[in-house]
Amino acid sequence: MSSYRPKLRHFVVIILLLLSFIVLFIKLIYMETIQYPKLKQEGDNRSDRSIDIKAYRGIILDRNGNPLAISTPVDTIWVDPFYISADSPELNKVMNILNLPEKTREKIKSQVKVREGRSGFVYIERKVQPYLSQKVKDLDITGIHVIREFKRYYPMAEVASHIVGFTNVDGKGQEGLELEFNKFLSGQDGYFEYKKDLHGGVASKIEDKYVEPKNGRNLQISIDSRLQYIAYKYLKEGVIRTNSEAGSVIVEDIHIGEILAMANYPSYNPNSMADAYPDRRRNRAITDVYELGSVMKTFAAATALTYGDNVTSDEPVIDTHPGFYRIGKNTVRDERDYGDINLRHILMKSSNVGVSKMILGLTEPSILESSLRNFGFGSKTGIKLPGERDGYVPTKDKWGDFQLATLSFGYGMNATDLQLIAGVSAIANNGQYIKPTILKRRPGEEIETRPIISEKNSKEMISMMQSVVEDLGGTGSKAQIPLYHVAGKTGTARMLSGGNYGAKYLASFVGIVPATDPKLAIVVTIKDPKGDQYGGGSVAAPVFADVALNSLQILGVKLDKIEN
């Protein structure tokens, strides 16, 4: 009996050991097969890391290949809170090198504090110049990392900012072409995954988890940097000289519809966004709509030539006496009594009475609405820039004779500067409308045109507009330039304020050069000039003259006026 019990105990121990080995073996099999993917993933999560490889954003180029937006290499510095605590002297060393302000330091420390002891990612500074990031690299601190990124640089700064726009700190387009063509310019970031070592560095790359970045594509636009600078320079001078609120200039190649310059003032510098208030960032040339006033007589005259019975620049003669015209309970007024005048002199003198009687005298006066729409007013041009407005042209059910009369001299409707220059370019281009473009056309690209007025009427319109500038008594005399003939039209419009016409004016001038062989159309609008001079002929025309003469000379356009 005594010998039986030890044998039993030995047997039980052997059975228990055998069962333990069996359980351990089963668990090992379970871990190696069923649980292996999960355990491997957990291990990889602790040791594997991924780093983005930034794609190079495409360059924006002017028509001659000069860069308007380019990406320059910079570095971003970040800290892994698993290795670096908020109170670490190493973290302070890095922030001292970068000369970070106290407020920024506290923010970084608080973000690190929240993540202490856990792997994470906290920015210390982005877009760091390479010479500073190299100093950080030289410290060789575990948990402090430097990665390569790109910073956008704009060589023309405030001169072209409304066209080009800008990107945010992550390289995403925010306004202008940077926004409109963000996907085209951005490309696609790559990345690579690696296993980290005990110090948080790269132990080895994971070869099958490397994706090459796809760089963005370059974008060539129609702007000529030389003309853009000229437009901005003289616009800025004109706005400051007249103590005006703001202004815009557009220059267009009338034969292909390419915008060669589009300037606004005030402006902002996209390289330093400290003064980039929303009001400064607005591309007024396409976002702001105005009642344009007397420049619209240009299109009323073209309508009369096209749809009137035997209307020419000389016939019929309109009686504007005694300088006002009663229509029902309302009155249209001129600055003075111009007497009997024809269409040429209606434009030269900018007669409200004359153009009103001319339009109301048409067999179908309401044709003015469809004519204006045909010139592109009341709808977007479709230019590839964000923020373009439609403008407004009233429909027939919205007017009586007085509303139709005021429409003929630019009231009761509104439009953008871009719509204005597109319409005038059609007059200059033998009556053919071309949608304006901000992109440089490809060689051999077919240009879609739409006839609006006849070639004969186009030439007659240019002749009448030339009289506005060059004939004695014309309102546009200050738009004259040496060596070239100019055709144009002035505009002076009271601006609406709180539903009423107040003391603010919009001064404008639209011109065609050279008048005898048109190449360019130029629009100048200046908002709320102060002082005694507020008309288009005295405020906007001189800016036009400076922009026109310099642009023609830069482009080497043949002279068409011989002077002693």
Protein backbone atom coordinates (compact mmCIF):
# COMPACT_ATOMS: atom_id res chain seq x y z
CA MET A 1 0.00 0.00 0.00
CA SER A 2 2.88 2.33 0.88
CA SER A 3 4.65 1.71 -2.42
CA TYR A 4 1.44 2.28 -4.41
CA ARG A 5 0.98 5.94 -3.37
CA PRO A 6 4.39 7.23 -4.64
CA LYS A 7 3.74 5.54 -7.95
CA LEU A 8 0.33 7.23 -8.16
CA ARG A 9 1.86 10.64 -7.36
CA HIS A 10 4.50 10.14 -10.06
CA PHE A 11 1.83 9.19 -12.54
CA VAL A 12 -0.27 12.29 -11.73
CA VAL A 13 2.77 14.56 -12.08
CA ILE A 14 3.65 13.02 -15.45
CA ILE A 15 0.05 13.43 -16.65
CA LEU A 16 -0.03 17.07 -15.53
CA LEU A 17 3.28 17.81 -17.24
CA LEU A 18 2.09 16.10 -20.38
CA LEU A 19 -1.15 18.10 -20.34
CA SER A 20 0.84 21.34 -19.82
CA PHE A 21 3.01 20.57 -22.82
CA ILE A 22 -0.06 19.75 -24.89
CA VAL A 23 -1.77 23.05 -23.88
CA LEU A 24 1.43 25.00 -24.57
CA PHE A 25 1.83 23.32 -27.94
CA ILE A 26 -1.78 24.05 -28.88
CA LYS A 27 -1.40 27.68 -27.82
CA LEU A 28 1.83 27.97 -29.83
CA ILE A 29 0.09 26.53 -32.89
CA TYR A 30 -2.81 28.95 -32.32
CA MET A 31 -0.49 31.94 -32.08
CA GLU A 32 1.53 30.88 -35.12
CA THR A 33 -1.48 30.36 -37.32
CA ILE A 34 -4.69 32.01 -36.22
CA GLN A 35 -3.31 34.90 -34.11
CA TYR A 36 -0.12 35.49 -36.11
CA PRO A 37 -1.48 38.22 -38.46
CA LYS A 38 -2.94 40.14 -35.53
CA LEU A 39 0.22 39.89 -33.43
CA LYS A 40 2.39 40.82 -36.38
CA GLN A 41 0.22 43.87 -37.07
CA GLU A 42 0.50 44.98 -33.44
CA GLY A 43 4.26 44.58 -33.57
CA ASP A 44 4.49 46.45 -36.85
CA ASN A 45 2.37 49.23 -35.43
CA ARG A 46 4.91 49.69 -32.66
CA SER A 47 7.99 49.52 -34.87
CA ASP A 48 6.84 50.56 -38.37
CA ARG A 49 6.62 54.21 -39.37
CA SER A 50 5.60 56.01 -42.55
CA ILE A 51 7.08 59.25 -43.94
CA ASP A 52 5.44 61.27 -46.72
CA ILE A 53 7.58 62.28 -49.68
CA LYS A 54 6.22 65.60 -50.90
CA ALA A 55 5.52 65.97 -54.61
CA TYR A 56 6.98 69.04 -56.29
CA ARG A 57 4.20 71.49 -57.11
CA GLY A 58 4.19 72.63 -60.74
CA ILE A 59 5.52 76.06 -61.73
CA ILE A 60 3.16 78.79 -62.97
CA LEU A 61 4.81 80.55 -65.92
CA ASP A 62 3.96 83.69 -67.87
CA ARG A 63 3.61 83.59 -71.65
CA ASN A 64 7.39 84.04 -72.09
CA GLY A 65 8.38 81.32 -69.62
CA ASN A 66 9.11 83.58 -66.65
CA PRO A 67 8.10 82.02 -63.30
CA LEU A 68 5.16 83.55 -61.45
CA ALA A 69 4.97 80.83 -58.78
CA ILE A 70 7.73 78.39 -57.93
CA SER A 71 8.40 75.94 -55.10
CA THR A 72 11.65 76.17 -53.14
CA PRO A 73 12.94 73.39 -50.82
CA VAL A 74 12.45 73.95 -47.10
CA ASP A 75 12.35 71.64 -44.07
CA THR A 76 9.81 70.79 -41.41
CA ILE A 77 10.96 69.89 -37.89
CA TRP A 78 8.87 67.68 -35.61
CA VAL A 79 9.19 65.86 -32.30
CA ASP A 80 8.14 62.36 -31.21
CA PRO A 81 6.79 62.63 -27.60
CA PHE A 82 7.73 58.98 -26.98
CA TYR A 83 11.36 60.10 -26.71
CA ILE A 84 11.13 63.79 -25.79
CA SER A 85 9.22 65.21 -22.81
CA ALA A 86 7.70 68.68 -22.62
CA ASP A 87 10.37 69.83 -20.15
CA SER A 88 13.26 68.25 -22.04
CA PRO A 89 16.34 70.51 -22.41
CA GLU A 90 16.80 69.00 -25.89
CA LEU A 91 13.43 70.39 -26.96
CA ASN A 92 14.42 73.81 -25.64
CA LYS A 93 17.70 73.65 -27.58
CA VAL A 94 15.79 73.12 -30.84
CA MET A 95 13.33 75.92 -30.12
CA ASN A 96 16.21 78.26 -29.28
CA ILE A 97 17.88 77.57 -32.63
CA LEU A 98 14.61 78.38 -34.39
CA ASN A 99 14.13 81.48 -32.21
CA LEU A 100 10.48 80.65 -31.59
CA PRO A 101 8.35 83.16 -29.65
CA GLU A 102 7.23 82.26 -26.15
CA LYS A 103 3.59 81.75 -27.15
CA THR A 104 4.62 79.19 -29.80
CA ARG A 105 6.93 77.39 -27.34
CA GLU A 106 4.12 77.00 -24.80
CA LYS A 107 1.78 75.63 -27.46
CA ILE A 108 4.35 73.02 -28.56
CA LYS A 109 5.08 71.99 -24.97
CA SER A 110 1.39 71.54 -24.18
CA GLN A 111 0.92 69.34 -27.27
CA VAL A 112 3.96 67.23 -26.31
CA LYS A 113 2.73 66.98 -22.70
CA VAL A 114 -0.57 65.45 -23.81
CA ARG A 115 1.26 62.75 -25.82
CA GLU A 116 4.23 62.07 -23.50
CA GLY A 117 5.32 58.44 -23.41
CA ARG A 118 3.41 57.61 -26.60
CA SER A 119 4.61 57.64 -30.15
CA GLY A 120 3.24 60.68 -31.91
CA PHE A 121 3.87 63.63 -34.19
CA VAL A 122 4.06 67.25 -33.01
CA TYR A 123 5.21 70.04 -35.34
CA ILE A 124 7.91 72.31 -33.94
CA GLU A 125 8.26 74.52 -37.03
CA ARG A 126 7.33 74.24 -40.70
CA LYS A 127 8.92 75.81 -43.78
CA VAL A 128 12.32 76.16 -42.09
CA GLN A 129 15.26 77.42 -44.12
CA PRO A 130 17.84 74.66 -44.76
CA TYR A 131 20.66 76.40 -42.88
CA LEU A 132 18.57 76.37 -39.68
CA SER A 133 17.35 72.79 -40.11
CA GLN A 134 20.97 71.70 -40.58
CA LYS A 135 21.80 73.14 -37.15
CA VAL A 136 18.99 71.03 -35.69
CA LYS A 137 20.26 67.95 -37.53
CA ASP A 138 23.75 68.52 -36.13
CA LEU A 139 22.37 68.18 -32.57
CA ASP A 140 21.53 64.53 -33.42
CA ILE A 141 18.76 64.32 -30.82
CA THR A 142 16.74 61.11 -30.62
CA GLY A 143 13.09 61.91 -31.26
CA ILE A 144 13.71 65.13 -33.20
CA HIS A 145 13.10 64.68 -36.92
CA VAL A 146 13.59 66.81 -40.06
CA ILE A 147 11.65 66.17 -43.26
CA ARG A 148 11.87 67.90 -46.63
CA GLU A 149 8.92 69.98 -47.93
CA PHE A 150 8.49 72.88 -50.34
CA LYS A 151 7.54 76.51 -49.86
CA ARG A 152 5.82 78.52 -52.58
CA TYR A 153 7.58 81.69 -53.76
CA TYR A 154 6.03 84.40 -55.94
CA PRO A 155 8.63 86.45 -57.85
CA MET A 156 6.19 89.24 -58.84
CA ALA A 157 4.79 89.52 -55.31
CA GLU A 158 1.85 91.98 -55.16
CA VAL A 159 2.04 92.82 -58.89
CA ALA A 160 0.37 89.57 -60.00
CA SER A 161 -1.10 88.21 -56.76
CA HIS A 162 -4.76 88.48 -57.79
CA ILE A 163 -4.15 86.30 -60.82
CA VAL A 164 -1.71 83.77 -59.35
CA GLY A 165 -3.22 83.50 -55.85
CA PHE A 166 -1.40 81.65 -53.08
CA THR A 167 -1.18 78.32 -51.22
CA ASN A 168 -1.61 77.54 -47.54
CA VAL A 169 1.05 75.99 -45.29
CA ASP A 170 0.09 72.52 -46.58
CA GLY A 171 0.67 73.58 -50.18
CA LYS A 172 -3.00 73.66 -51.18
CA GLY A 173 -4.19 76.46 -53.49
CA GLN A 174 -6.36 79.06 -51.76
CA GLU A 175 -7.06 81.70 -54.39
CA GLY A 176 -6.39 82.60 -58.03
CA LEU A 177 -4.80 80.09 -60.38
CA GLU A 178 -3.33 78.21 -57.40
CA LEU A 179 -6.90 77.36 -56.39
CA GLU A 180 -8.44 76.94 -59.86
CA PHE A 181 -5.69 74.52 -61.00
CA ASN A 182 -4.81 73.04 -57.60
CA LYS A 183 -5.17 69.40 -58.69
CA PHE A 184 -3.26 70.02 -61.94
CA LEU A 185 -0.37 71.71 -60.10
CA SER A 186 -0.26 69.49 -57.00
CA GLY A 187 0.74 66.12 -58.31
CA GLN A 188 0.57 63.25 -55.81
CA ASP A 189 2.69 62.78 -52.70
CA GLY A 190 4.65 59.57 -52.27
CA TYR A 191 5.72 57.83 -49.06
CA PHE A 192 7.98 55.14 -47.66
CA GLU A 193 7.58 52.92 -44.61
CA TYR A 194 10.45 51.91 -42.33
CA LYS A 195 11.18 50.04 -39.14
CA LYS A 196 12.42 52.31 -36.38
CA ASP A 197 15.41 51.54 -34.23
CA LEU A 198 15.66 51.93 -30.44
CA HIS A 199 16.36 55.65 -30.87
CA GLY A 200 13.41 56.31 -33.13
CA GLY A 201 15.57 56.52 -36.24
CA VAL A 202 15.38 54.51 -39.48
CA ALA A 203 16.55 50.94 -38.89
CA SER A 204 15.57 49.68 -42.33
CA LYS A 205 13.25 50.63 -45.17
CA ILE A 206 10.42 48.30 -46.10
CA GLU A 207 11.20 47.83 -49.77
CA ASP A 208 7.72 46.89 -51.00
CA LYS A 209 6.18 49.91 -49.25
CA TYR A 210 7.88 52.73 -51.17
CA VAL A 211 5.77 54.92 -53.46
CA GLU A 212 7.49 57.47 -55.67
CA PRO A 213 5.87 60.95 -55.65
CA LYS A 214 4.30 62.19 -58.88
CA ASN A 215 5.28 65.81 -59.37
CA GLY A 216 2.70 68.40 -60.42
CA ARG A 217 2.51 69.80 -63.94
CA ASN A 218 3.59 73.28 -65.01
CA LEU A 219 0.97 75.83 -66.04
CA GLN A 220 1.68 78.48 -68.67
CA ILE A 221 -0.67 81.44 -68.74
CA SER A 222 -1.34 84.33 -71.09
CA ILE A 223 0.00 87.11 -68.84
CA ASP A 224 3.07 89.03 -70.02
CA SER A 225 5.08 89.92 -66.90
CA ARG A 226 6.35 93.12 -68.50
CA LEU A 227 2.85 94.40 -69.28
CA GLN A 228 1.59 93.21 -65.91
CA TYR A 229 4.22 95.32 -64.17
CA ILE A 230 3.36 98.35 -66.33
CA ALA A 231 -0.37 97.98 -65.64
CA TYR A 232 0.16 97.67 -61.89
CA LYS A 233 2.68 100.53 -61.70
CA TYR A 234 0.51 103.12 -63.47
CA LEU A 235 -2.71 101.94 -61.85
CA LYS A 236 -1.16 102.28 -58.39
CA GLU A 237 0.14 105.76 -59.23
CA GLY A 238 -3.28 106.80 -60.56
CA VAL A 239 -5.21 105.52 -57.52
CA ILE A 240 -2.81 107.21 -55.09
CA ARG A 241 -2.68 110.46 -57.10
CA THR A 242 -6.48 110.82 -57.08
CA ASN A 243 -6.87 109.54 -53.51
CA SER A 244 -9.20 106.84 -54.82
CA GLU A 245 -10.51 103.76 -53.06
CA ALA A 246 -9.40 101.17 -55.61
CA GLY A 247 -8.86 100.45 -59.30
CA SER A 248 -8.34 97.81 -61.98
CA VAL A 249 -6.63 97.54 -65.37
CA ILE A 250 -6.98 94.80 -68.00
CA VAL A 251 -5.01 94.47 -71.25
CA GLU A 252 -6.24 92.01 -73.90
CA ASP A 253 -4.89 90.81 -77.22
CA ILE A 254 -8.04 91.35 -79.29
CA HIS A 255 -7.22 88.79 -82.01
CA ILE A 256 -6.82 85.74 -79.76
CA GLY A 257 -8.62 86.78 -76.57
CA GLU A 258 -5.57 86.33 -74.34
CA ILE A 259 -5.38 88.51 -71.24
CA LEU A 260 -1.90 90.06 -71.22
CA ALA A 261 -2.30 91.95 -67.93
CA MET A 262 -4.86 92.11 -65.13
CA ALA A 263 -3.91 94.40 -62.26
CA ASN A 264 -5.76 95.55 -59.15
CA TYR A 265 -4.91 98.06 -56.46
CA PRO A 266 -4.85 97.80 -53.44
CA SER A 267 -3.04 94.48 -53.61
CA TYR A 268 -1.18 92.11 -51.27
CA ASN A 269 2.10 90.22 -51.20
CA PRO A 270 1.54 86.43 -51.18
CA ASN A 271 5.09 85.93 -49.89
CA SER A 272 4.12 87.71 -46.68
CA MET A 273 0.46 87.40 -45.80
CA ALA A 274 0.52 89.81 -42.85
CA ASP A 275 -1.30 92.52 -44.82
CA ALA A 276 -3.43 90.18 -46.93
CA TYR A 277 -6.81 91.36 -45.69
CA PRO A 278 -9.81 89.88 -47.57
CA ASP A 279 -10.57 93.23 -49.22
CA ARG A 280 -7.04 93.37 -50.66
CA ARG A 281 -7.20 89.80 -51.94
CA ARG A 282 -10.29 90.34 -54.10
CA ASN A 283 -9.67 90.23 -57.85
CA ARG A 284 -11.87 93.26 -58.52
CA ALA A 285 -11.52 92.94 -62.29
CA ILE A 286 -13.76 89.85 -62.24
CA THR A 287 -15.55 89.93 -58.87
CA ASP A 288 -16.80 93.52 -58.66
CA VAL A 289 -19.81 94.59 -60.71
CA TYR A 290 -20.67 98.23 -61.41
CA GLU A 291 -23.10 100.37 -63.27
CA LEU A 292 -20.44 101.43 -65.77
CA GLY A 293 -22.02 104.63 -67.03
CA SER A 294 -21.09 106.24 -70.31
CA VAL A 295 -18.61 103.60 -71.52
CA MET A 296 -21.77 101.59 -72.25
CA LYS A 297 -22.74 104.16 -74.89
CA THR A 298 -20.18 102.33 -77.01
CA PHE A 299 -22.49 99.29 -77.17
CA ALA A 300 -25.64 101.35 -77.55
CA ALA A 301 -24.02 103.02 -80.59
CA ALA A 302 -23.02 99.62 -82.02
CA THR A 303 -26.62 98.47 -81.51
CA ALA A 304 -27.98 101.53 -83.34
CA LEU A 305 -25.58 100.99 -86.28
CA THR A 306 -26.56 97.31 -86.51
CA TYR A 307 -30.33 97.45 -86.00
CA GLY A 308 -31.27 101.04 -86.87
CA ASP A 309 -32.77 102.08 -90.23
CA ASN A 310 -30.03 103.82 -92.20
CA VAL A 311 -28.13 104.76 -89.04
CA THR A 312 -24.51 105.82 -89.62
CA SER A 313 -22.01 107.89 -87.71
CA ASP A 314 -23.37 110.98 -89.53
CA GLU A 315 -27.08 110.25 -89.82
CA PRO A 316 -29.62 110.80 -88.40
CA VAL A 317 -29.11 114.07 -86.59
CA ILE A 318 -30.60 114.07 -83.09
CA ASP A 319 -32.04 117.19 -81.46
CA THR A 320 -30.73 117.27 -77.86
CA HIS A 321 -32.06 120.79 -77.17
CA PRO A 322 -32.48 122.14 -74.46
CA GLY A 323 -30.04 119.71 -72.76
CA PHE A 324 -32.66 117.50 -71.12
CA TYR A 325 -35.28 115.01 -72.26
CA ARG A 326 -38.51 114.30 -70.41
CA ILE A 327 -39.75 110.70 -70.50
CA GLY A 328 -43.03 110.49 -68.61
CA LYS A 329 -42.37 111.78 -65.10
CA ASN A 330 -38.59 111.32 -65.42
CA THR A 331 -35.87 113.42 -67.01
CA VAL A 332 -32.62 112.51 -68.78
CA ARG A 333 -30.02 115.30 -68.58
CA ASP A 334 -26.82 116.34 -70.34
CA GLU A 335 -24.11 118.54 -68.85
CA ARG A 336 -25.21 121.24 -71.30
CA ASP A 337 -27.27 121.80 -74.44
CA TYR A 338 -25.42 120.12 -77.33
CA GLY A 339 -28.05 121.07 -79.92
CA ASP A 340 -28.34 118.96 -83.07
CA ILE A 341 -25.74 116.17 -83.10
CA ASN A 342 -25.15 112.91 -84.93
CA LEU A 343 -24.02 109.57 -83.50
CA ARG A 344 -20.32 110.49 -83.75
CA HIS A 345 -20.87 113.60 -81.65
CA ILE A 346 -23.15 111.74 -79.24
CA LEU A 347 -20.10 109.60 -78.37
CA MET A 348 -17.65 112.52 -78.51
CA LYS A 349 -19.73 114.67 -76.15
CA SER A 350 -21.06 111.69 -74.21
CA SER A 351 -24.65 112.90 -74.58
CA ASN A 352 -27.20 111.04 -72.45
CA VAL A 353 -30.07 112.77 -74.26
CA GLY A 354 -28.67 111.90 -77.68
CA VAL A 355 -28.09 108.19 -77.01
CA SER A 356 -31.48 107.87 -75.27
CA LYS A 357 -33.33 109.33 -78.29
CA MET A 358 -31.24 107.23 -80.67
CA ILE A 359 -32.18 103.96 -78.91
CA LEU A 360 -35.83 104.86 -78.31
CA GLY A 361 -36.06 105.83 -81.98
CA LEU A 362 -35.22 102.31 -83.16
CA THR A 363 -38.03 100.26 -84.69
CA GLU A 364 -37.60 97.77 -81.85
CA PRO A 365 -35.87 99.59 -78.95
CA SER A 366 -35.86 96.48 -76.77
CA ILE A 367 -33.26 94.99 -79.14
CA LEU A 368 -30.73 96.73 -76.85
CA GLU A 369 -31.17 93.99 -74.25
CA SER A 370 -30.38 91.11 -76.62
CA SER A 371 -27.56 93.14 -78.16
CA LEU A 372 -25.92 93.66 -74.77
CA ARG A 373 -26.27 89.97 -73.99
CA ASN A 374 -24.73 89.18 -77.36
CA PHE A 375 -21.73 91.28 -76.34
CA GLY A 376 -21.39 89.05 -73.27
CA PHE A 377 -23.03 91.16 -70.58
CA GLY A 378 -25.19 89.39 -68.01
CA SER A 379 -23.25 86.12 -68.03
CA LYS A 380 -19.81 84.90 -66.98
CA THR A 381 -17.09 84.81 -69.61
CA GLY A 382 -15.93 81.42 -68.32
CA ILE A 383 -12.36 82.57 -67.67
CA LYS A 384 -10.43 80.06 -65.55
CA LEU A 385 -10.24 82.21 -62.44
CA PRO A 386 -12.32 81.74 -59.28
CA GLY A 387 -14.89 84.29 -58.20
CA GLU A 388 -16.11 85.63 -61.55
CA ARG A 389 -19.51 87.33 -61.37
CA ASP A 390 -22.37 87.23 -63.91
CA GLY A 391 -23.35 90.87 -63.83
CA TYR A 392 -26.92 91.88 -64.61
CA VAL A 393 -28.90 92.97 -67.66
CA PRO A 394 -32.62 93.59 -67.05
CA THR A 395 -35.19 91.74 -69.11
CA LYS A 396 -37.92 93.47 -71.13
CA ASP A 397 -40.53 93.02 -68.42
CA LYS A 398 -38.38 95.08 -66.05
CA TRP A 399 -38.40 98.37 -67.97
CA GLY A 400 -40.37 101.17 -69.52
CA ASP A 401 -38.99 103.82 -71.88
CA PHE A 402 -37.09 105.61 -69.11
CA GLN A 403 -35.38 102.40 -67.92
CA LEU A 404 -34.45 101.59 -71.52
CA ALA A 405 -33.05 105.09 -71.96
CA THR A 406 -30.88 104.85 -68.83
CA LEU A 407 -29.72 101.40 -69.92
CA SER A 408 -28.29 103.01 -73.07
CA PHE A 409 -25.88 105.05 -70.95
CA GLY A 410 -24.96 102.34 -68.47
CA TYR A 411 -27.48 102.54 -65.61
CA GLY A 412 -29.94 99.88 -64.49
CA MET A 413 -27.43 97.11 -65.33
CA ASN A 414 -24.07 96.09 -63.96
CA ALA A 415 -20.99 94.36 -65.32
CA THR A 416 -17.41 93.39 -64.56
CA ASP A 417 -14.32 94.95 -66.11
CA LEU A 418 -13.66 91.60 -67.81
CA GLN A 419 -17.05 91.63 -69.53
CA LEU A 420 -16.39 95.21 -70.62
CA ILE A 421 -13.02 94.45 -72.21
CA ALA A 422 -14.36 91.31 -73.91
CA GLY A 423 -17.14 93.35 -75.52
CA VAL A 424 -14.83 96.15 -76.66
CA SER A 425 -12.35 93.60 -78.02
CA ALA A 426 -15.16 92.22 -80.20
CA ILE A 427 -15.74 95.70 -81.66
CA ALA A 428 -12.01 96.02 -82.34
CA ASN A 429 -11.75 92.51 -83.81
CA ASN A 430 -13.93 93.16 -86.88
CA GLY A 431 -17.06 92.49 -84.83
CA GLN A 432 -16.00 88.95 -83.78
CA TYR A 433 -16.41 87.99 -80.11
CA ILE A 434 -13.75 85.72 -78.54
CA LYS A 435 -14.06 84.43 -75.00
CA PRO A 436 -11.20 85.89 -72.98
CA THR A 437 -8.66 83.42 -71.60
CA ILE A 438 -6.02 83.57 -68.89
CA LEU A 439 -4.21 80.55 -70.38
CA LYS A 440 -1.68 80.78 -73.19
CA ARG A 441 -3.13 79.17 -76.28
CA ARG A 442 -1.40 76.15 -77.77
CA PRO A 443 0.26 76.56 -81.19
CA GLY A 444 -2.30 75.87 -83.88
CA GLU A 445 -5.21 75.91 -81.41
CA GLU A 446 -8.50 76.74 -83.10
CA ILE A 447 -10.02 79.95 -81.75
CA GLU A 448 -13.79 79.98 -81.54
CA THR A 449 -15.35 83.28 -82.65
CA ARG A 450 -18.90 84.59 -82.68
CA PRO A 451 -20.03 87.44 -84.97
CA ILE A 452 -21.76 90.33 -83.21
CA ILE A 453 -21.55 93.26 -85.60
CA SER A 454 -20.38 93.54 -89.20
CA GLU A 455 -16.82 94.39 -90.17
CA LYS A 456 -18.12 97.62 -91.71
CA ASN A 457 -19.81 98.65 -88.46
CA SER A 458 -16.70 97.62 -86.51
CA LYS A 459 -14.59 100.05 -88.51
CA GLU A 460 -17.20 102.80 -88.15
CA MET A 461 -17.30 102.27 -84.38
CA ILE A 462 -13.51 102.54 -84.13
CA SER A 463 -13.60 105.72 -86.20
CA MET A 464 -16.20 107.28 -83.87
CA MET A 465 -14.25 106.18 -80.78
CA GLN A 466 -11.12 107.72 -82.30
CA SER A 467 -13.01 111.03 -82.50
CA VAL A 468 -13.74 110.77 -78.76
CA VAL A 469 -10.00 110.87 -78.12
CA GLU A 470 -8.49 112.87 -80.97
CA ASP A 471 -11.12 115.33 -82.22
CA LEU A 472 -11.48 118.76 -80.67
CA GLY A 473 -13.99 118.69 -77.83
CA GLY A 474 -13.88 114.92 -77.32
CA THR A 475 -14.09 113.77 -73.68
CA GLY A 476 -11.12 111.38 -74.02
CA SER A 477 -8.37 113.83 -75.05
CA LYS A 478 -6.15 112.82 -72.09
CA ALA A 479 -5.94 109.29 -73.51
CA GLN A 480 -3.88 110.51 -76.49
CA ILE A 481 -0.36 109.12 -76.78
CA PRO A 482 2.55 109.96 -79.06
CA LEU A 483 3.21 107.84 -82.16
CA TYR A 484 -0.06 105.88 -82.03
CA HIS A 485 -3.71 106.66 -82.79
CA VAL A 486 -6.17 105.84 -80.01
CA ALA A 487 -9.88 104.99 -80.10
CA GLY A 488 -11.78 105.00 -76.83
CA LYS A 489 -14.69 106.00 -74.65
CA THR A 490 -14.87 107.67 -71.26
CA GLY A 491 -17.26 106.80 -68.45
CA THR A 492 -18.30 108.62 -65.29
CA ALA A 493 -20.98 106.92 -63.22
CA ARG A 494 -22.53 107.79 -59.87
CA MET A 495 -22.28 104.80 -57.55
CA LEU A 496 -25.19 103.37 -55.59
CA SER A 497 -24.91 103.60 -51.82
CA GLY A 498 -27.70 102.37 -49.60
CA GLY A 499 -30.11 102.26 -52.52
CA ASN A 500 -29.39 105.86 -53.56
CA TYR A 501 -26.90 107.56 -55.85
CA GLY A 502 -24.50 109.39 -53.56
CA ALA A 503 -21.35 111.42 -53.98
CA LYS A 504 -19.12 108.51 -55.06
CA TYR A 505 -18.17 108.05 -58.72
CA LEU A 506 -16.73 105.31 -60.87
CA ALA A 507 -14.29 106.74 -63.42
CA SER A 508 -13.56 104.53 -66.41
CA PHE A 509 -11.93 104.48 -69.81
CA VAL A 510 -11.90 101.78 -72.45
CA GLY A 511 -9.57 102.07 -75.43
CA ILE A 512 -8.32 100.36 -78.59
CA VAL A 513 -4.74 100.72 -79.89
CA PRO A 514 -3.45 101.33 -82.49
CA ALA A 515 -6.75 102.69 -83.82
CA THR A 516 -5.83 102.18 -87.48
CA ASP A 517 -4.71 98.57 -86.99
CA PRO A 518 -6.03 97.36 -83.62
CA LYS A 519 -3.91 95.02 -81.51
CA LEU A 520 -4.86 95.70 -77.89
CA ALA A 521 -7.94 96.64 -75.89
CA ILE A 522 -7.35 98.22 -72.48
CA VAL A 523 -9.86 98.93 -69.70
CA VAL A 524 -9.20 101.18 -66.70
CA THR A 525 -11.68 101.65 -63.86
CA ILE A 526 -11.01 103.75 -60.76
CA LYS A 527 -13.41 103.68 -57.84
CA ASP A 528 -14.33 106.77 -55.81
CA PRO A 529 -11.68 109.35 -56.78
CA LYS A 530 -11.64 112.30 -54.36
CA GLY A 531 -11.41 115.98 -55.20
CA ASP A 532 -12.53 118.12 -58.13
CA GLN A 533 -11.38 115.61 -60.76
CA TYR A 534 -13.55 112.49 -60.76
CA GLY A 535 -14.50 111.86 -64.40
CA GLY A 536 -13.28 109.07 -66.62
CA GLY A 537 -11.64 111.57 -68.98
CA SER A 538 -9.55 113.17 -66.22
CA VAL A 539 -8.91 110.22 -63.86
CA ALA A 540 -8.91 106.97 -65.90
CA ALA A 541 -7.77 108.23 -69.33
CA PRO A 542 -4.26 109.31 -68.17
CA VAL A 543 -3.69 105.85 -66.64
CA PHE A 544 -4.80 104.30 -69.94
CA ALA A 545 -2.34 106.52 -71.87
CA ASP A 546 0.63 105.39 -69.75
CA VAL A 547 -0.30 101.71 -69.91
CA ALA A 548 -1.05 101.82 -73.66
CA LEU A 549 2.12 103.61 -74.77
CA ASN A 550 4.44 101.42 -72.69
CA SER A 551 2.66 98.21 -73.70
CA LEU A 552 2.84 99.03 -77.42
CA GLN A 553 6.52 99.87 -77.19
CA ILE A 554 7.35 96.72 -75.20
CA LEU A 555 5.53 94.57 -77.75
CA GLY A 556 7.19 96.39 -80.65
CA VAL A 557 3.88 97.30 -82.31
CA LYS A 558 4.32 99.26 -85.53
CA LEU A 559 3.73 103.02 -85.24
CA ASP A 560 0.60 104.35 -86.94
CA LYS A 561 0.91 108.10 -86.32
CA ILE A 562 3.61 110.34 -87.81
CA GLU A 563 4.34 113.47 -85.79
CA ASN A 564 6.72 116.36 -86.32
